[in-house]
Amino acid sequence: MLDPIFAILIIALNIYSFIVLGRVIMTWIPNIDPSHPIAQFLHRATEPVLRPIREALPSQGGLDFSPMLVLIGIMVVTRVLASF
């Protein structure tokens, strides 16, 4: 049986992965208002995690791979936590 603390962490990581996915989808929508409360929330919730990764990655010609790396990291951490 999974430890309750690990279960809560896994749930939180899964929720955060949806937040990151929301941020990615938001970038695909043209003419989105950056002052919209949902857009502001997604930016504030993800930027502290994405910015350091984005700055550490070499330039990819305008493509941002930081969300993909965060999602892969979340999957790895989730599997490690689930194995305990």
PDB file of N, CA and C in Angstrom:
ATOM      1  N   MET A   1       0.840  -1.185   0.000  1.00  0.00           N
ATOM      2  CA  MET A   1       0.000   0.000   0.000  1.00  0.00           C
ATOM      3  C   MET A   1       0.882   1.244   0.000  1.00  0.00           C
ATOM      4  N   LEU A   2       0.446   2.246  -0.707  1.00  0.00           N
ATOM      5  CA  LEU A   2       1.193   3.487  -0.849  1.00  0.00           C
ATOM      6  C   LEU A   2       1.061   4.333   0.409  1.00  0.00           C
ATOM      7  N   ASP A   3       2.185   4.858   0.875  1.00  0.00           N
ATOM      8  CA  ASP A   3       2.191   5.757   2.034  1.00  0.00           C
ATOM      9  C   ASP A   3       1.334   6.977   1.709  1.00  0.00           C
ATOM     10  N   PRO A   4       0.498   7.434   2.649  1.00  0.00           N
ATOM     11  CA  PRO A   4      -0.381   8.579   2.370  1.00  0.00           C
ATOM     12  C   PRO A   4       0.368   9.845   1.946  1.00  0.00           C
ATOM     13  N   ILE A   5       1.544  10.073   2.488  1.00  0.00           N
ATOM     14  CA  ILE A   5       2.315  11.257   2.101  1.00  0.00           C
ATOM     15  C   ILE A   5       2.738  11.146   0.644  1.00  0.00           C
ATOM     16  N   PHE A   6       3.194   9.962   0.221  1.00  0.00           N
ATOM     17  CA  PHE A   6       3.576   9.767  -1.173  1.00  0.00           C
ATOM     18  C   PHE A   6       2.357   9.906  -2.078  1.00  0.00           C
ATOM     19  N   ALA A   7       1.211   9.406  -1.631  1.00  0.00           N
ATOM     20  CA  ALA A   7      -0.009   9.523  -2.429  1.00  0.00           C
ATOM     21  C   ALA A   7      -0.386  10.990  -2.630  1.00  0.00           C
ATOM     22  N   ILE A   8      -0.275  11.795  -1.582  1.00  0.00           N
ATOM     23  CA  ILE A   8      -0.582  13.223  -1.691  1.00  0.00           C
ATOM     24  C   ILE A   8       0.404  13.903  -2.630  1.00  0.00           C
ATOM     25  N   LEU A   9       1.689  13.561  -2.535  1.00  0.00           N
ATOM     26  CA  LEU A   9       2.692  14.139  -3.427  1.00  0.00           C
ATOM     27  C   LEU A   9       2.421  13.765  -4.884  1.00  0.00           C
ATOM     28  N   ILE A  10       2.042  12.530  -5.117  1.00  0.00           N
ATOM     29  CA  ILE A  10       1.743  12.089  -6.483  1.00  0.00           C
ATOM     30  C   ILE A  10       0.539  12.855  -7.029  1.00  0.00           C
ATOM     31  N   ILE A  11      -0.489  13.030  -6.210  1.00  0.00           N
ATOM     32  CA  ILE A  11      -1.660  13.794  -6.641  1.00  0.00           C
ATOM     33  C   ILE A  11      -1.268  15.231  -6.951  1.00  0.00           C
ATOM     34  N   ALA A  12      -0.460  15.845  -6.089  1.00  0.00           N
ATOM     35  CA  ALA A  12      -0.023  17.230  -6.313  1.00  0.00           C
ATOM     36  C   ALA A  12       0.798  17.339  -7.597  1.00  0.00           C
ATOM     37  N   LEU A  13       1.671  16.375  -7.846  1.00  0.00           N
ATOM     38  CA  LEU A  13       2.457  16.389  -9.074  1.00  0.00           C
ATOM     39  C   LEU A  13       1.574  16.222 -10.308  1.00  0.00           C
ATOM     40  N   ASN A  14       0.566  15.370 -10.215  1.00  0.00           N
ATOM     41  CA  ASN A  14      -0.354  15.197 -11.337  1.00  0.00           C
ATOM     42  C   ASN A  14      -1.141  16.482 -11.605  1.00  0.00           C
ATOM     43  N   ILE A  15      -1.574  17.147 -10.563  1.00  0.00           N
ATOM     44  CA  ILE A  15      -2.282  18.420 -10.735  1.00  0.00           C
ATOM     45  C   ILE A  15      -1.352  19.443 -11.373  1.00  0.00           C
ATOM     46  N   TYR A  16      -0.107  19.494 -10.909  1.00  0.00           N
ATOM     47  CA  TYR A  16       0.837  20.456 -11.473  1.00  0.00           C
ATOM     48  C   TYR A  16       1.129  20.152 -12.946  1.00  0.00           C
ATOM     49  N   SER A  17       1.142  18.871 -13.307  1.00  0.00           N
ATOM     50  CA  SER A  17       1.370  18.543 -14.717  1.00  0.00           C
ATOM     51  C   SER A  17       0.228  19.072 -15.577  1.00  0.00           C
ATOM     52  N   PHE A  18      -1.005  19.043 -15.067  1.00  0.00           N
ATOM     53  CA  PHE A  18      -2.121  19.626 -15.815  1.00  0.00           C
ATOM     54  C   PHE A  18      -1.989  21.144 -15.913  1.00  0.00           C
ATOM     55  N   ILE A  19      -1.448  21.767 -14.876  1.00  0.00           N
ATOM     56  CA  ILE A  19      -1.228  23.211 -14.920  1.00  0.00           C
ATOM     57  C   ILE A  19      -0.190  23.543 -15.994  1.00  0.00           C
ATOM     58  N   VAL A  20       0.881  22.758 -16.060  1.00  0.00           N
ATOM     59  CA  VAL A  20       1.903  22.969 -17.092  1.00  0.00           C
ATOM     60  C   VAL A  20       1.292  22.750 -18.476  1.00  0.00           C
ATOM     61  N   LEU A  21       0.493  21.709 -18.632  1.00  0.00           N
ATOM     62  CA  LEU A  21      -0.165  21.462 -19.914  1.00  0.00           C
ATOM     63  C   LEU A  21      -1.099  22.620 -20.283  1.00  0.00           C
ATOM     64  N   GLY A  22      -1.787  23.179 -19.296  1.00  0.00           N
ATOM     65  CA  GLY A  22      -2.630  24.335 -19.546  1.00  0.00           C
ATOM     66  C   GLY A  22      -1.829  25.519 -20.049  1.00  0.00           C
ATOM     67  N   ARG A  23      -0.654  25.699 -19.468  1.00  0.00           N
ATOM     68  CA  ARG A  23       0.226  26.795 -19.923  1.00  0.00           C
ATOM     69  C   ARG A  23       0.663  26.561 -21.368  1.00  0.00           C
ATOM     70  N   VAL A  24       0.990  25.329 -21.706  1.00  0.00           N
ATOM     71  CA  VAL A  24       1.404  25.009 -23.075  1.00  0.00           C
ATOM     72  C   VAL A  24       0.250  25.260 -24.045  1.00  0.00           C
ATOM     73  N   ILE A  25      -0.920  24.780 -23.712  1.00  0.00           N
ATOM     74  CA  ILE A  25      -2.084  24.968 -24.586  1.00  0.00           C
ATOM     75  C   ILE A  25      -2.402  26.447 -24.734  1.00  0.00           C
ATOM     76  N   MET A  26      -2.228  27.204 -23.660  1.00  0.00           N
ATOM     77  CA  MET A  26      -2.492  28.638 -23.717  1.00  0.00           C
ATOM     78  C   MET A  26      -1.590  29.324 -24.740  1.00  0.00           C
ATOM     79  N   THR A  27      -0.378  28.843 -24.918  1.00  0.00           N
ATOM     80  CA  THR A  27       0.527  29.465 -25.888  1.00  0.00           C
ATOM     81  C   THR A  27       0.102  29.199 -27.322  1.00  0.00           C
ATOM     82  N   TRP A  28      -0.720  28.188 -27.532  1.00  0.00           N
ATOM     83  CA  TRP A  28      -1.186  27.868 -28.874  1.00  0.00           C
ATOM     84  C   TRP A  28      -2.374  28.719 -29.295  1.00  0.00           C
ATOM     85  N   ILE A  29      -3.012  29.385 -28.343  1.00  0.00           N
ATOM     86  CA  ILE A  29      -4.214  30.168 -28.636  1.00  0.00           C
ATOM     87  C   ILE A  29      -3.798  31.579 -29.019  1.00  0.00           C
ATOM     88  N   PRO A  30      -4.115  31.973 -30.247  1.00  0.00           N
ATOM     89  CA  PRO A  30      -3.739  33.332 -30.654  1.00  0.00           C
ATOM     90  C   PRO A  30      -4.642  34.362 -29.974  1.00  0.00           C
ATOM     91  N   ASN A  31      -4.111  35.541 -29.800  1.00  0.00           N
ATOM     92  CA  ASN A  31      -4.853  36.681 -29.253  1.00  0.00           C
ATOM     93  C   ASN A  31      -5.376  36.459 -27.847  1.00  0.00           C
ATOM     94  N   ILE A  32      -4.707  35.628 -27.047  1.00  0.00           N
ATOM     95  CA  ILE A  32      -5.144  35.443 -25.669  1.00  0.00           C
ATOM     96  C   ILE A  32      -4.730  36.667 -24.856  1.00  0.00           C
ATOM     97  N   ASP A  33      -5.599  37.095 -23.985  1.00  0.00           N
ATOM     98  CA  ASP A  33      -5.348  38.264 -23.162  1.00  0.00           C
ATOM     99  C   ASP A  33      -4.460  37.863 -21.976  1.00  0.00           C
ATOM    100  N   PRO A  34      -3.212  38.348 -21.919  1.00  0.00           N
ATOM    101  CA  PRO A  34      -2.322  37.956 -20.815  1.00  0.00           C
ATOM    102  C   PRO A  34      -2.781  38.486 -19.458  1.00  0.00           C
ATOM    103  N   SER A  35      -3.719  39.411 -19.440  1.00  0.00           N
ATOM    104  CA  SER A  35      -4.212  39.920 -18.161  1.00  0.00           C
ATOM    105  C   SER A  35      -5.411  39.122 -17.647  1.00  0.00           C
ATOM    106  N   HIS A  36      -5.842  38.116 -18.418  1.00  0.00           N
ATOM    107  CA  HIS A  36      -6.943  37.262 -17.969  1.00  0.00           C
ATOM    108  C   HIS A  36      -6.494  36.505 -16.715  1.00  0.00           C
ATOM    109  N   PRO A  37      -7.370  36.370 -15.713  1.00  0.00           N
ATOM    110  CA  PRO A  37      -6.969  35.708 -14.458  1.00  0.00           C
ATOM    111  C   PRO A  37      -6.424  34.293 -14.641  1.00  0.00           C
ATOM    112  N   ILE A  38      -6.984  33.535 -15.567  1.00  0.00           N
ATOM    113  CA  ILE A  38      -6.483  32.166 -15.775  1.00  0.00           C
ATOM    114  C   ILE A  38      -5.082  32.208 -16.382  1.00  0.00           C
ATOM    115  N   ALA A  39      -4.872  33.086 -17.344  1.00  0.00           N
ATOM    116  CA  ALA A  39      -3.546  33.223 -17.959  1.00  0.00           C
ATOM    117  C   ALA A  39      -2.525  33.665 -16.917  1.00  0.00           C
ATOM    118  N   GLN A  40      -2.910  34.597 -16.063  1.00  0.00           N
ATOM    119  CA  GLN A  40      -1.995  35.060 -15.017  1.00  0.00           C
ATOM    120  C   GLN A  40      -1.678  33.937 -14.035  1.00  0.00           C
ATOM    121  N   PHE A  41      -2.695  33.162 -13.650  1.00  0.00           N
ATOM    122  CA  PHE A  41      -2.461  32.051 -12.728  1.00  0.00           C
ATOM    123  C   PHE A  41      -1.500  31.031 -13.330  1.00  0.00           C
ATOM    124  N   LEU A  42      -1.750  30.647 -14.586  1.00  0.00           N
ATOM    125  CA  LEU A  42      -0.884  29.654 -15.229  1.00  0.00           C
ATOM    126  C   LEU A  42       0.554  30.162 -15.326  1.00  0.00           C
ATOM    127  N   HIS A  43       0.714  31.422 -15.634  1.00  0.00           N
ATOM    128  CA  HIS A  43       2.054  31.995 -15.730  1.00  0.00           C
ATOM    129  C   HIS A  43       2.737  32.014 -14.356  1.00  0.00           C
ATOM    130  N   ARG A  44       2.031  32.496 -13.337  1.00  0.00           N
ATOM    131  CA  ARG A  44       2.635  32.583 -11.996  1.00  0.00           C
ATOM    132  C   ARG A  44       2.923  31.210 -11.408  1.00  0.00           C
ATOM    133  N   ALA A  45       2.101  30.223 -11.730  1.00  0.00           N
ATOM    134  CA  ALA A  45       2.287  28.885 -11.170  1.00  0.00           C
ATOM    135  C   ALA A  45       3.410  28.110 -11.837  1.00  0.00           C
ATOM    136  N   THR A  46       3.692  28.422 -13.097  1.00  0.00           N
ATOM    137  CA  THR A  46       4.676  27.621 -13.821  1.00  0.00           C
ATOM    138  C   THR A  46       6.009  28.318 -14.054  1.00  0.00           C
ATOM    139  N   GLU A  47       6.005  29.629 -14.118  1.00  0.00           N
ATOM    140  CA  GLU A  47       7.234  30.352 -14.463  1.00  0.00           C
ATOM    141  C   GLU A  47       8.393  30.099 -13.498  1.00  0.00           C
ATOM    142  N   PRO A  48       8.168  30.001 -12.169  1.00  0.00           N
ATOM    143  CA  PRO A  48       9.313  29.722 -11.280  1.00  0.00           C
ATOM    144  C   PRO A  48      10.002  28.385 -11.560  1.00  0.00           C
ATOM    145  N   VAL A  49       9.282  27.444 -12.128  1.00  0.00           N
ATOM    146  CA  VAL A  49       9.876  26.142 -12.462  1.00  0.00           C
ATOM    147  C   VAL A  49      10.442  26.155 -13.881  1.00  0.00           C
ATOM    148  N   LEU A  50       9.721  26.778 -14.801  1.00  0.00           N
ATOM    149  CA  LEU A  50      10.142  26.755 -16.199  1.00  0.00           C
ATOM    150  C   LEU A  50      11.323  27.677 -16.487  1.00  0.00           C
ATOM    151  N   ARG A  51      11.379  28.830 -15.844  1.00  0.00           N
ATOM    152  CA  ARG A  51      12.421  29.813 -16.159  1.00  0.00           C
ATOM    153  C   ARG A  51      13.836  29.260 -15.966  1.00  0.00           C
ATOM    154  N   PRO A  52      14.173  28.647 -14.819  1.00  0.00           N
ATOM    155  CA  PRO A  52      15.550  28.135 -14.687  1.00  0.00           C
ATOM    156  C   PRO A  52      15.907  27.074 -15.715  1.00  0.00           C
ATOM    157  N   ILE A  53      14.940  26.248 -16.072  1.00  0.00           N
ATOM    158  CA  ILE A  53      15.199  25.216 -17.079  1.00  0.00           C
ATOM    159  C   ILE A  53      15.397  25.872 -18.442  1.00  0.00           C
ATOM    160  N   ARG A  54      14.544  26.839 -18.757  1.00  0.00           N
ATOM    161  CA  ARG A  54      14.650  27.563 -20.030  1.00  0.00           C
ATOM    162  C   ARG A  54      15.999  28.255 -20.154  1.00  0.00           C
ATOM    163  N   GLU A  55      16.470  28.849 -19.061  1.00  0.00           N
ATOM    164  CA  GLU A  55      17.754  29.553 -19.087  1.00  0.00           C
ATOM    165  C   GLU A  55      18.929  28.585 -19.193  1.00  0.00           C
ATOM    166  N   ALA A  56      18.787  27.374 -18.678  1.00  0.00           N
ATOM    167  CA  ALA A  56      19.870  26.400 -18.721  1.00  0.00           C
ATOM    168  C   ALA A  56      19.978  25.710 -20.077  1.00  0.00           C
ATOM    169  N   LEU A  57      18.879  25.662 -20.818  1.00  0.00           N
ATOM    170  CA  LEU A  57      18.890  25.004 -22.125  1.00  0.00           C
ATOM    171  C   LEU A  57      19.522  25.915 -23.172  1.00  0.00           C
ATOM    172  N   PRO A  58      20.230  25.324 -24.107  1.00  0.00           N
ATOM    173  CA  PRO A  58      20.736  26.148 -25.221  1.00  0.00           C
ATOM    174  C   PRO A  58      19.579  26.594 -26.102  1.00  0.00           C
ATOM    175  N   SER A  59      19.790  27.659 -26.850  1.00  0.00           N
ATOM    176  CA  SER A  59      18.758  28.199 -27.727  1.00  0.00           C
ATOM    177  C   SER A  59      18.353  27.162 -28.766  1.00  0.00           C
ATOM    178  N   GLN A  60      17.065  27.003 -28.943  1.00  0.00           N
ATOM    179  CA  GLN A  60      16.533  26.017 -29.891  1.00  0.00           C
ATOM    180  C   GLN A  60      15.756  26.684 -31.010  1.00  0.00           C
ATOM    181  N   GLY A  61      16.155  27.857 -31.403  1.00  0.00           N
ATOM    182  CA  GLY A  61      15.495  28.528 -32.517  1.00  0.00           C
ATOM    183  C   GLY A  61      14.077  28.964 -32.209  1.00  0.00           C
ATOM    184  N   GLY A  62      13.830  29.425 -31.019  1.00  0.00           N
ATOM    185  CA  GLY A  62      12.507  29.909 -30.649  1.00  0.00           C
ATOM    186  C   GLY A  62      11.597  28.859 -30.052  1.00  0.00           C
ATOM    187  N   LEU A  63      12.015  27.615 -30.020  1.00  0.00           N
ATOM    188  CA  LEU A  63      11.210  26.560 -29.411  1.00  0.00           C
ATOM    189  C   LEU A  63      11.570  26.433 -27.937  1.00  0.00           C
ATOM    190  N   ASP A  64      10.549  26.251 -27.112  1.00  0.00           N
ATOM    191  CA  ASP A  64      10.755  26.139 -25.673  1.00  0.00           C
ATOM    192  C   ASP A  64      10.474  24.704 -25.245  1.00  0.00           C
ATOM    193  N   PHE A  65      11.526  23.988 -24.891  1.00  0.00           N
ATOM    194  CA  PHE A  65      11.386  22.598 -24.471  1.00  0.00           C
ATOM    195  C   PHE A  65      11.293  22.442 -22.960  1.00  0.00           C
ATOM    196  N   SER A  66      11.297  23.548 -22.226  1.00  0.00           N
ATOM    197  CA  SER A  66      11.257  23.446 -20.771  1.00  0.00           C
ATOM    198  C   SER A  66       9.976  22.780 -20.259  1.00  0.00           C
ATOM    199  N   PRO A  67       8.782  23.042 -20.811  1.00  0.00           N
ATOM    200  CA  PRO A  67       7.610  22.320 -20.302  1.00  0.00           C
ATOM    201  C   PRO A  67       7.719  20.809 -20.487  1.00  0.00           C
ATOM    202  N   MET A  68       8.296  20.383 -21.623  1.00  0.00           N
ATOM    203  CA  MET A  68       8.445  18.956 -21.865  1.00  0.00           C
ATOM    204  C   MET A  68       9.392  18.335 -20.824  1.00  0.00           C
ATOM    205  N   LEU A  69      10.475  19.026 -20.513  1.00  0.00           N
ATOM    206  CA  LEU A  69      11.404  18.502 -19.512  1.00  0.00           C
ATOM    207  C   LEU A  69      10.759  18.454 -18.132  1.00  0.00           C
ATOM    208  N   VAL A  70       9.953  19.459 -17.798  1.00  0.00           N
ATOM    209  CA  VAL A  70       9.259  19.456 -16.504  1.00  0.00           C
ATOM    210  C   VAL A  70       8.282  18.289 -16.446  1.00  0.00           C
ATOM    211  N   LEU A  71       7.539  18.063 -17.507  1.00  0.00           N
ATOM    212  CA  LEU A  71       6.581  16.954 -17.513  1.00  0.00           C
ATOM    213  C   LEU A  71       7.285  15.601 -17.427  1.00  0.00           C
ATOM    214  N   ILE A  72       8.411  15.457 -18.108  1.00  0.00           N
ATOM    215  CA  ILE A  72       9.184  14.210 -17.991  1.00  0.00           C
ATOM    216  C   ILE A  72       9.696  14.042 -16.568  1.00  0.00           C
ATOM    217  N   GLY A  73      10.184  15.130 -15.983  1.00  0.00           N
ATOM    218  CA  GLY A  73      10.647  15.076 -14.594  1.00  0.00           C
ATOM    219  C   GLY A  73       9.531  14.688 -13.641  1.00  0.00           C
ATOM    220  N   ILE A  74       8.337  15.227 -13.855  1.00  0.00           N
ATOM    221  CA  ILE A  74       7.200  14.875 -13.005  1.00  0.00           C
ATOM    222  C   ILE A  74       6.873  13.390 -13.148  1.00  0.00           C
ATOM    223  N   MET A  75       6.915  12.871 -14.369  1.00  0.00           N
ATOM    224  CA  MET A  75       6.647  11.444 -14.574  1.00  0.00           C
ATOM    225  C   MET A  75       7.668  10.580 -13.850  1.00  0.00           C
ATOM    226  N   VAL A  76       8.943  10.966 -13.926  1.00  0.00           N
ATOM    227  CA  VAL A  76       9.993  10.186 -13.265  1.00  0.00           C
ATOM    228  C   VAL A  76       9.801  10.206 -11.755  1.00  0.00           C
ATOM    229  N   VAL A  77       9.588  11.390 -11.198  1.00  0.00           N
ATOM    230  CA  VAL A  77       9.415  11.511  -9.744  1.00  0.00           C
ATOM    231  C   VAL A  77       8.172  10.749  -9.297  1.00  0.00           C
ATOM    232  N   THR A  78       7.112  10.816 -10.075  1.00  0.00           N
ATOM    233  CA  THR A  78       5.880  10.097  -9.727  1.00  0.00           C
ATOM    234  C   THR A  78       6.124   8.592  -9.696  1.00  0.00           C
ATOM    235  N   ARG A  79       6.847   8.088 -10.670  1.00  0.00           N
ATOM    236  CA  ARG A  79       7.128   6.633 -10.683  1.00  0.00           C
ATOM    237  C   ARG A  79       8.033   6.226  -9.529  1.00  0.00           C
ATOM    238  N   VAL A  80       8.994   7.078  -9.196  1.00  0.00           N
ATOM    239  CA  VAL A  80       9.865   6.763  -8.056  1.00  0.00           C
ATOM    240  C   VAL A  80       9.047   6.744  -6.769  1.00  0.00           C
ATOM    241  N   LEU A  81       8.189   7.746  -6.588  1.00  0.00           N
ATOM    242  CA  LEU A  81       7.358   7.783  -5.378  1.00  0.00           C
ATOM    243  C   LEU A  81       6.404   6.601  -5.317  1.00  0.00           C
ATOM    244  N   ALA A  82       5.858   6.211  -6.450  1.00  0.00           N
ATOM    245  CA  ALA A  82       4.914   5.091  -6.478  1.00  0.00           C
ATOM    246  C   ALA A  82       5.591   3.762  -6.172  1.00  0.00           C
ATOM    247  N   SER A  83       6.907   3.691  -6.371  1.00  0.00           N
ATOM    248  CA  SER A  83       7.606   2.433  -6.118  1.00  0.00           C
ATOM    249  C   SER A  83       7.892   2.205  -4.636  1.00  0.00           C
ATOM    250  N   PHE A  84       7.708   3.239  -3.821  1.00  0.00           N
ATOM    251  CA  PHE A  84       7.955   3.067  -2.381  1.00  0.00           C
ATOM    252  C   PHE A  84       6.792   2.421  -1.689  1.00  0.00           C
TER     253      PHE A  84
END
